[in-house]
Every structure is written in C-alpha cells, then in structure tokens.
C-alpha atoms as a PDB file:
ATOM      1  CA  MET A   1       9.461  42.821 110.237  1.00  0.00           C
ATOM      2  CA  PRO A   2       6.974  43.131 107.332  1.00  0.00           C
ATOM      3  CA  LEU A   3       4.348  40.465 106.916  1.00  0.00           C
ATOM      4  CA  GLU A   4       4.544  38.495 103.668  1.00  0.00           C
ATOM      5  CA  PRO A   5       1.518  38.530 101.354  1.00  0.00           C
ATOM      6  CA  THR A   6       0.160  35.291  99.959  1.00  0.00           C
ATOM      7  CA  ALA A   7       1.386  34.375  96.471  1.00  0.00           C
ATOM      8  CA  ASP A   8      -2.016  34.901  94.836  1.00  0.00           C
ATOM      9  CA  ALA A   9      -2.754  38.301  96.397  1.00  0.00           C
ATOM     10  CA  PRO A  10      -1.192  41.484  95.078  1.00  0.00           C
ATOM     11  CA  THR A  11      -0.043  44.073  97.570  1.00  0.00           C
ATOM     12  CA  TRP A  12      -1.592  47.513  97.319  1.00  0.00           C
ATOM     13  CA  ARG A  13      -0.247  50.822  98.563  1.00  0.00           C
ATOM     14  CA  LEU A  14      -2.866  53.226  99.862  1.00  0.00           C
ATOM     15  CA  ARG A  15      -1.967  56.779 100.883  1.00  0.00           C
ATOM     16  CA  VAL A  16      -4.549  59.190 102.265  1.00  0.00           C
ATOM     17  CA  TRP A  17      -3.622  62.636 103.542  1.00  0.00           C
ATOM     18  CA  THR A  18      -5.154  65.831 104.881  1.00  0.00           C
ATOM     19  CA  ARG A  19      -3.699  69.269 105.527  1.00  0.00           C
ATOM     20  CA  PHE A  20      -4.739  70.358 108.996  1.00  0.00           C
ATOM     21  CA  LEU A  21      -4.565  74.012 110.024  1.00  0.00           C
ATOM     22  CA  ALA A  22      -3.694  73.014 113.572  1.00  0.00           C
ATOM     23  CA  PRO A  23      -0.298  72.552 115.244  1.00  0.00           C
ATOM     24  CA  ALA A  24       1.358  69.176 114.652  1.00  0.00           C
ATOM     25  CA  GLN A  25       1.148  68.344 118.370  1.00  0.00           C
ATOM     26  CA  ASP A  26      -2.661  68.811 118.291  1.00  0.00           C
ATOM     27  CA  VAL A  27      -2.975  66.536 115.260  1.00  0.00           C
ATOM     28  CA  TRP A  28      -0.745  63.938 116.977  1.00  0.00           C
ATOM     29  CA  ALA A  29      -2.794  64.122 120.176  1.00  0.00           C
ATOM     30  CA  TYR A  30      -6.036  63.590 118.249  1.00  0.00           C
ATOM     31  CA  LYS A  31      -4.685  60.763 116.086  1.00  0.00           C
ATOM     32  CA  THR A  32      -3.249  58.842 119.055  1.00  0.00           C
ATOM     33  CA  SER A  33      -6.248  59.232 121.356  1.00  0.00           C
ATOM     34  CA  LEU A  34      -8.956  56.628 121.782  1.00  0.00           C
ATOM     35  CA  VAL A  35     -11.572  59.375 121.423  1.00  0.00           C
ATOM     36  CA  GLY A  36     -10.128  60.320 118.032  1.00  0.00           C
ATOM     37  CA  LEU A  37     -10.019  56.668 116.930  1.00  0.00           C
ATOM     38  CA  ARG A  38     -13.622  56.073 118.009  1.00  0.00           C
ATOM     39  CA  THR A  39     -14.794  59.234 116.257  1.00  0.00           C
ATOM     40  CA  GLU A  40     -13.010  58.385 113.000  1.00  0.00           C
ATOM     41  CA  LEU A  41     -14.202  54.777 112.845  1.00  0.00           C
ATOM     42  CA  SER A  42     -17.823  55.445 113.780  1.00  0.00           C
ATOM     43  CA  PRO A  43     -20.158  53.668 113.089  1.00  0.00           C
ATOM     44  CA  LEU A  44     -17.560  50.868 113.263  1.00  0.00           C
ATOM     45  CA  ARG A  45     -15.725  50.243 116.510  1.00  0.00           C
ATOM     46  CA  LEU A  46     -12.273  48.907 117.255  1.00  0.00           C
ATOM     47  CA  VAL A  47     -12.540  47.312 120.675  1.00  0.00           C
ATOM     48  CA  ILE A  48      -9.047  47.160 122.201  1.00  0.00           C
ATOM     49  CA  ALA A  49      -8.463  44.812 125.150  1.00  0.00           C
ATOM     50  CA  ASP A  50      -5.960  47.203 126.843  1.00  0.00           C
ATOM     51  CA  PRO A  51      -6.725  50.694 125.482  1.00  0.00           C
ATOM     52  CA  GLN A  52      -4.751  52.517 128.186  1.00  0.00           C
ATOM     53  CA  GLY A  53      -1.741  50.306 127.497  1.00  0.00           C
ATOM     54  CA  MET A  54      -1.872  51.253 123.841  1.00  0.00           C
ATOM     55  CA  GLU A  55      -2.127  54.974 124.651  1.00  0.00           C
ATOM     56  CA  ARG A  56       0.849  54.631 127.044  1.00  0.00           C
ATOM     57  CA  ALA A  57       2.928  52.828 124.388  1.00  0.00           C
ATOM     58  CA  LEU A  58       2.240  55.635 121.902  1.00  0.00           C
ATOM     59  CA  ALA A  59       3.045  58.340 124.455  1.00  0.00           C
ATOM     60  CA  GLN A  60       6.247  56.616 125.610  1.00  0.00           C
ATOM     61  CA  GLY A  61       7.448  55.675 122.131  1.00  0.00           C
ATOM     62  CA  ARG A  62       7.593  51.932 122.668  1.00  0.00           C
ATOM     63  CA  PRO A  63       6.349  48.969 120.611  1.00  0.00           C
ATOM     64  CA  GLY A  64       3.675  46.623 121.894  1.00  0.00           C
ATOM     65  CA  HIS A  65       1.153  43.946 120.990  1.00  0.00           C
ATOM     66  CA  PHE A  66      -2.542  44.580 121.563  1.00  0.00           C
ATOM     67  CA  GLN A  67      -5.604  42.442 120.962  1.00  0.00           C
ATOM     68  CA  ALA A  68      -8.566  44.148 119.338  1.00  0.00           C
ATOM     69  CA  ARG A  69     -11.774  43.338 117.511  1.00  0.00           C
ATOM     70  CA  LEU A  70     -13.377  45.280 114.646  1.00  0.00           C
ATOM     71  CA  VAL A  71     -17.144  45.490 115.269  1.00  0.00           C
ATOM     72  CA  PRO A  72     -19.020  44.960 113.044  1.00  0.00           C
ATOM     73  CA  PRO A  73     -18.143  42.498 111.465  1.00  0.00           C
ATOM     74  CA  GLY A  74     -16.570  41.027 114.632  1.00  0.00           C
ATOM     75  CA  VAL A  75     -13.147  40.325 113.126  1.00  0.00           C
ATOM     76  CA  ALA A  76     -10.211  39.760 115.501  1.00  0.00           C
ATOM     77  CA  TRP A  77      -7.676  42.518 114.771  1.00  0.00           C
ATOM     78  CA  PRO A  78      -4.364  41.947 116.555  1.00  0.00           C
ATOM     79  CA  ILE A  79      -2.275  45.126 116.551  1.00  0.00           C
ATOM     80  CA  ASP A  80       1.505  44.989 116.563  1.00  0.00           C
ATOM     81  CA  LEU A  81       2.778  48.478 117.270  1.00  0.00           C
ATOM     82  CA  VAL A  82       6.206  48.174 115.618  1.00  0.00           C
ATOM     83  CA  GLU A  83       7.559  51.731 115.500  1.00  0.00           C
ATOM     84  CA  VAL A  84       6.802  54.896 117.452  1.00  0.00           C
ATOM     85  CA  GLU A  85       8.373  58.336 117.278  1.00  0.00           C
ATOM     86  CA  PRO A  86       6.157  60.397 119.621  1.00  0.00           C
ATOM     87  CA  GLY A  87       4.812  63.491 117.940  1.00  0.00           C
ATOM     88  CA  ARG A  88       5.806  62.312 114.457  1.00  0.00           C
ATOM     89  CA  LEU A  89       4.865  58.762 113.479  1.00  0.00           C
ATOM     90  CA  PHE A  90       3.741  55.338 114.527  1.00  0.00           C
ATOM     91  CA  ALA A  91       3.427  52.130 112.554  1.00  0.00           C
ATOM     92  CA  ASP A  92       1.310  49.077 113.216  1.00  0.00           C
ATOM     93  CA  HIS A  93       0.894  45.707 111.511  1.00  0.00           C
ATOM     94  CA  SER A  94      -1.966  43.244 111.640  1.00  0.00           C
ATOM     95  CA  ASP A  95      -2.406  39.742 110.230  1.00  0.00           C
ATOM     96  CA  ASN A  96      -6.132  39.058 110.398  1.00  0.00           C
ATOM     97  CA  ALA A  97      -9.042  37.403 108.610  1.00  0.00           C
ATOM     98  CA  LEU A  98      -9.380  40.269 106.098  1.00  0.00           C
ATOM     99  CA  PHE A  99      -5.712  40.904 105.268  1.00  0.00           C
ATOM    100  CA  SER A 100      -2.628  38.729 104.955  1.00  0.00           C
ATOM    101  CA  ARG A 101      -0.682  41.989 105.047  1.00  0.00           C
ATOM    102  CA  PHE A 102      -1.837  45.171 106.769  1.00  0.00           C
ATOM    103  CA  GLU A 103       1.013  47.592 107.458  1.00  0.00           C
ATOM    104  CA  HIS A 104      -0.082  51.064 108.496  1.00  0.00           C
ATOM    105  CA  ARG A 105       2.191  54.080 109.029  1.00  0.00           C
ATOM    106  CA  HIS A 106       0.605  57.150 110.596  1.00  0.00           C
ATOM    107  CA  LEU A 107       2.700  60.248 109.885  1.00  0.00           C
ATOM    108  CA  VAL A 108       2.344  63.827 111.161  1.00  0.00           C
ATOM    109  CA  GLU A 109       4.451  66.322 109.200  1.00  0.00           C
ATOM    110  CA  PRO A 110       4.659  69.922 110.449  1.00  0.00           C
ATOM    111  CA  THR A 111       3.905  72.588 107.838  1.00  0.00           C
ATOM    112  CA  PRO A 112       4.206  76.392 108.075  1.00  0.00           C
ATOM    113  CA  ASP A 113       0.471  76.703 108.791  1.00  0.00           C
ATOM    114  CA  GLY A 114      -0.213  73.455 110.677  1.00  0.00           C
ATOM    115  CA  ALA A 115       0.433  69.813 109.822  1.00  0.00           C
ATOM    116  CA  ARG A 116      -0.098  67.256 107.120  1.00  0.00           C
ATOM    117  CA  TYR A 117      -1.382  63.915 108.366  1.00  0.00           C
ATOM    118  CA  VAL A 118      -0.712  60.855 106.184  1.00  0.00           C
ATOM    119  CA  ASP A 119      -2.056  57.316 106.433  1.00  0.00           C
ATOM    120  CA  ASP A 120       0.348  55.152 104.404  1.00  0.00           C
ATOM    121  CA  LEU A 121      -0.671  51.501 104.093  1.00  0.00           C
ATOM    122  CA  LEU A 122       0.525  48.311 102.414  1.00  0.00           C
ATOM    123  CA  LEU A 123      -2.425  45.940 102.017  1.00  0.00           C
ATOM    124  CA  SER A 124      -2.967  42.397 100.782  1.00  0.00           C
ATOM    125  CA  PRO A 125      -6.668  41.567 101.140  1.00  0.00           C
ATOM    126  CA  ARG A 126      -7.562  37.888 101.570  1.00  0.00           C
ATOM    127  CA  GLY A 127     -10.038  35.653  99.822  1.00  0.00           C
ATOM    128  CA  PRO A 128     -12.416  35.868  96.884  1.00  0.00           C
ATOM    129  CA  LEU A 129     -13.800  39.247  98.025  1.00  0.00           C
ATOM    130  CA  ARG A 130     -10.395  40.994  97.849  1.00  0.00           C
ATOM    131  CA  GLY A 131     -11.680  43.732  95.545  1.00  0.00           C
ATOM    132  CA  ALA A 132     -14.601  44.552  97.825  1.00  0.00           C
ATOM    133  CA  ILE A 133     -12.362  44.528 100.912  1.00  0.00           C
ATOM    134  CA  LEU A 134      -9.904  46.870  99.201  1.00  0.00           C
ATOM    135  CA  SER A 135     -12.664  49.219  98.040  1.00  0.00           C
ATOM    136  CA  LEU A 136     -14.225  49.353 101.506  1.00  0.00           C
ATOM    137  CA  THR A 137     -10.806  50.009 103.073  1.00  0.00           C
ATOM    138  CA  VAL A 138     -10.222  52.978 100.757  1.00  0.00           C
ATOM    139  CA  ARG A 139     -13.656  54.366 101.639  1.00  0.00           C
ATOM    140  CA  LEU A 140     -13.062  53.796 105.357  1.00  0.00           C
ATOM    141  CA  PHE A 141      -9.812  55.787 105.326  1.00  0.00           C
ATOM    142  CA  GLN A 142     -11.404  58.620 103.361  1.00  0.00           C
ATOM    143  CA  HIS A 143     -14.225  58.575 105.935  1.00  0.00           C
ATOM    144  CA  ARG A 144     -11.679  58.708 108.775  1.00  0.00           C
ATOM    145  CA  HIS A 145     -10.074  61.817 107.304  1.00  0.00           C
ATOM    146  CA  ARG A 146     -13.443  63.550 106.835  1.00  0.00           C
ATOM    147  CA  ARG A 147     -14.414  62.708 110.427  1.00  0.00           C
ATOM    148  CA  ALA A 148     -11.115  64.078 111.803  1.00  0.00           C
ATOM    149  CA  ALA A 149     -11.684  67.228 109.746  1.00  0.00           C
ATOM    150  CA  ARG A 150     -14.908  67.817 111.685  1.00  0.00           C
ATOM    151  CA  ASP A 151     -12.873  68.135 114.888  1.00  0.00           C
ATOM    152  CA  LEU A 152      -9.672  69.803 113.650  1.00  0.00           C
ATOM    153  CA  PRO A 153      -9.355  72.883 111.447  1.00  0.00           C
ATOM    154  CA  HIS A 154      -8.296  71.868 107.953  1.00  0.00           C
ATOM    155  CA  ASP A 155      -7.935  73.020 104.373  1.00  0.00           C
ATOM    156  CA  PRO A 156     -11.140  71.776 102.686  1.00  0.00           C
ATOM    157  CA  ARG A 157      -9.289  71.547  99.348  1.00  0.00           C
ATOM    158  CA  VAL A 158      -6.811  69.050 100.841  1.00  0.00           C
ATOM    159  CA  CYS A 159      -8.919  66.635 102.876  1.00  0.00           C
ATOM    160  CA  GLY A 160      -8.715  62.889 102.332  1.00  0.00           C
ATOM    161  CA  ILE A 161      -6.578  63.072  99.183  1.00  0.00           C
ATOM    162  CA  THR A 162      -6.222  59.436  98.114  1.00  0.00           C
ATOM    163  CA  VAL A 163      -3.795  57.444  95.989  1.00  0.00           C
ATOM    164  CA  LEU A 164      -4.177  53.683  95.549  1.00  0.00           C
ATOM    165  CA  ARG A 165      -1.872  51.608  93.386  1.00  0.00           C
ATOM    166  CA  GLU A 166      -0.517  48.102  93.182  1.00  0.00           C
ATOM    167  CA  GLN A 167       2.915  47.751  94.768  1.00  0.00           C
ATOM    168  CA  LEU A 168       5.523  47.364  92.054  1.00  0.00           C
ATOM    169  CA  ALA A 169       7.849  44.338  92.027  1.00  0.00           C
ATOM    170  CA  HIS A 170      10.990  46.415  92.696  1.00  0.00           C
ATOM    171  CA  GLU A 171       9.325  47.988  95.766  1.00  0.00           C
ATOM    172  CA  ARG A 172       8.901  44.660  97.555  1.00  0.00           C
ATOM    173  CA  PRO A 173      11.272  43.797 100.411  1.00  0.00           C
ATOM    174  CA  GLY A 174      14.511  42.282  99.139  1.00  0.00           C
ATOM    175  CA  ALA A 175      13.780  43.079  95.482  1.00  0.00           C
ATOM    176  CA  ALA A 176      16.503  44.376  93.189  1.00  0.00           C
ATOM    177  CA  PRO A 177      16.116  47.970  92.023  1.00  0.00           C
ATOM    178  CA  PRO A 178      14.762  48.438  88.506  1.00  0.00           C
ATOM    179  CA  GLU A 179      17.300  48.428  85.701  1.00  0.00           C
ATOM    180  CA  GLU A 180      18.151  51.771  84.180  1.00  0.00           C
ATOM    181  CA  PRO A 181      17.365  51.972  80.479  1.00  0.00           C
ATOM    182  CA  ALA A 182      20.464  51.827  78.302  1.00  0.00           C
ATOM    183  CA  ALA A 183      21.583  55.184  76.967  1.00  0.00           C
ATOM    184  CA  MET A 184      21.140  55.656  73.259  1.00  0.00           C
ATOM    185  CA  PRO A 185      24.300  56.528  71.304  1.00  0.00           C
ATOM    186  CA  PRO A 186      24.150  60.112  69.968  1.00  0.00           C
ATOM    187  CA  GLY A 187      23.926  58.910  66.359  1.00  0.00           C
ATOM    188  CA  ASP A 188      20.698  56.976  67.128  1.00  0.00           C
ATOM    189  CA  LEU A 189      18.705  60.025  68.177  1.00  0.00           C
ATOM    190  CA  PRO A 190      15.777  60.844  65.913  1.00  0.00           C
ATOM    191  CA  GLN A 191      16.364  63.853  63.677  1.00  0.00           C
ATOM    192  CA  PRO A 192      13.800  66.681  63.646  1.00  0.00           C
END
C-alpha cells in the first residue's frame, strides 16, 4: 500500500538508469547484495539490523520489514520490502524523518547486450529543507549509479541518466484520468 504524502509536500518522481554491459543476473546479484549496497552508498552507510534476513527475502521473493539506520546523519530508516520478483524487480517503502513518502522500485531489464537497471522513486521530502533533501537525493542516486559502474561493465554514454519531475495530479493513487481535449469540428480548423 503506498504511503500518503502530507498535504503541503508535493510528490516527486525520480528515475535514474544505467545500461550495463553485463548479464541481467549479474546486475541483479550486485544490486541485491550488501556489498553492492555498501559500495554504492559510500561514504554513507545503511546499517541494517538483519542484513542476512533482507538478502534471504530478496533471494526468496518474499516481502519483509527491516530496521535500518542511515549513517550519517543517523536517521532511522525502516524498510518495508513490499514486492519482489527475483531477478527482475524489488520495491521498498520507508516512512522516516526525511520523507513522508519514499517508494523505491529497483528494476533490472534484460537487453540484447546486457541489462538496463532503473531506480524509480516517488518522494515527498519533509520539512522546511525539502528542496535540499530532494537535491541531495538526486545526487545520491546519480552517485550510486556511477559507483556501480566502477564494478560492472557499462555504456559510459548511458550511466546515471536522470529525470526528476513533480508527480502530476492524475498520476496519484485513486485520481481520475485526465480529460481528453474535445475534438474540433472540421469547419473550425485554421486555413493555411
């Protein structure tokens, strides 16, 4: 179930992707390993209370709840692993001091020459420093992709490609789809 953002905080969609020239199963193994996570986050650390339990949940394709802490700054970061398709995707949510909504889908898509890895996030930063938190989050995910590219062969032209935009009203859970514009009668078309 998605977490609801606070009324005063917009929700942002962040997508960062890299084209790896390695088999999809190698990219999956790296992205779901604690070694890969530590490498990507360095110099930050995500200290997970039951790291083996989290690795087992990812390998077995089952949800789970894990307590973690982001160091620095020492923020509690509970992880709800909500969806797992081993070898293809996993999704986690966190409600923490920095975000009222943090939904993160990790997707590995096979390609003819390797795999595309995508981080797809919905974010609602909290508090008066929302802009700074959002900016640092974008930079952190770009950093994570560059760090992974040190360990996995990749296309240097497609490393850490980033798109950030505010989530549109019709994209929110339960929202009605946007209205189609009314067709113009043929006689109303501008003449050349």
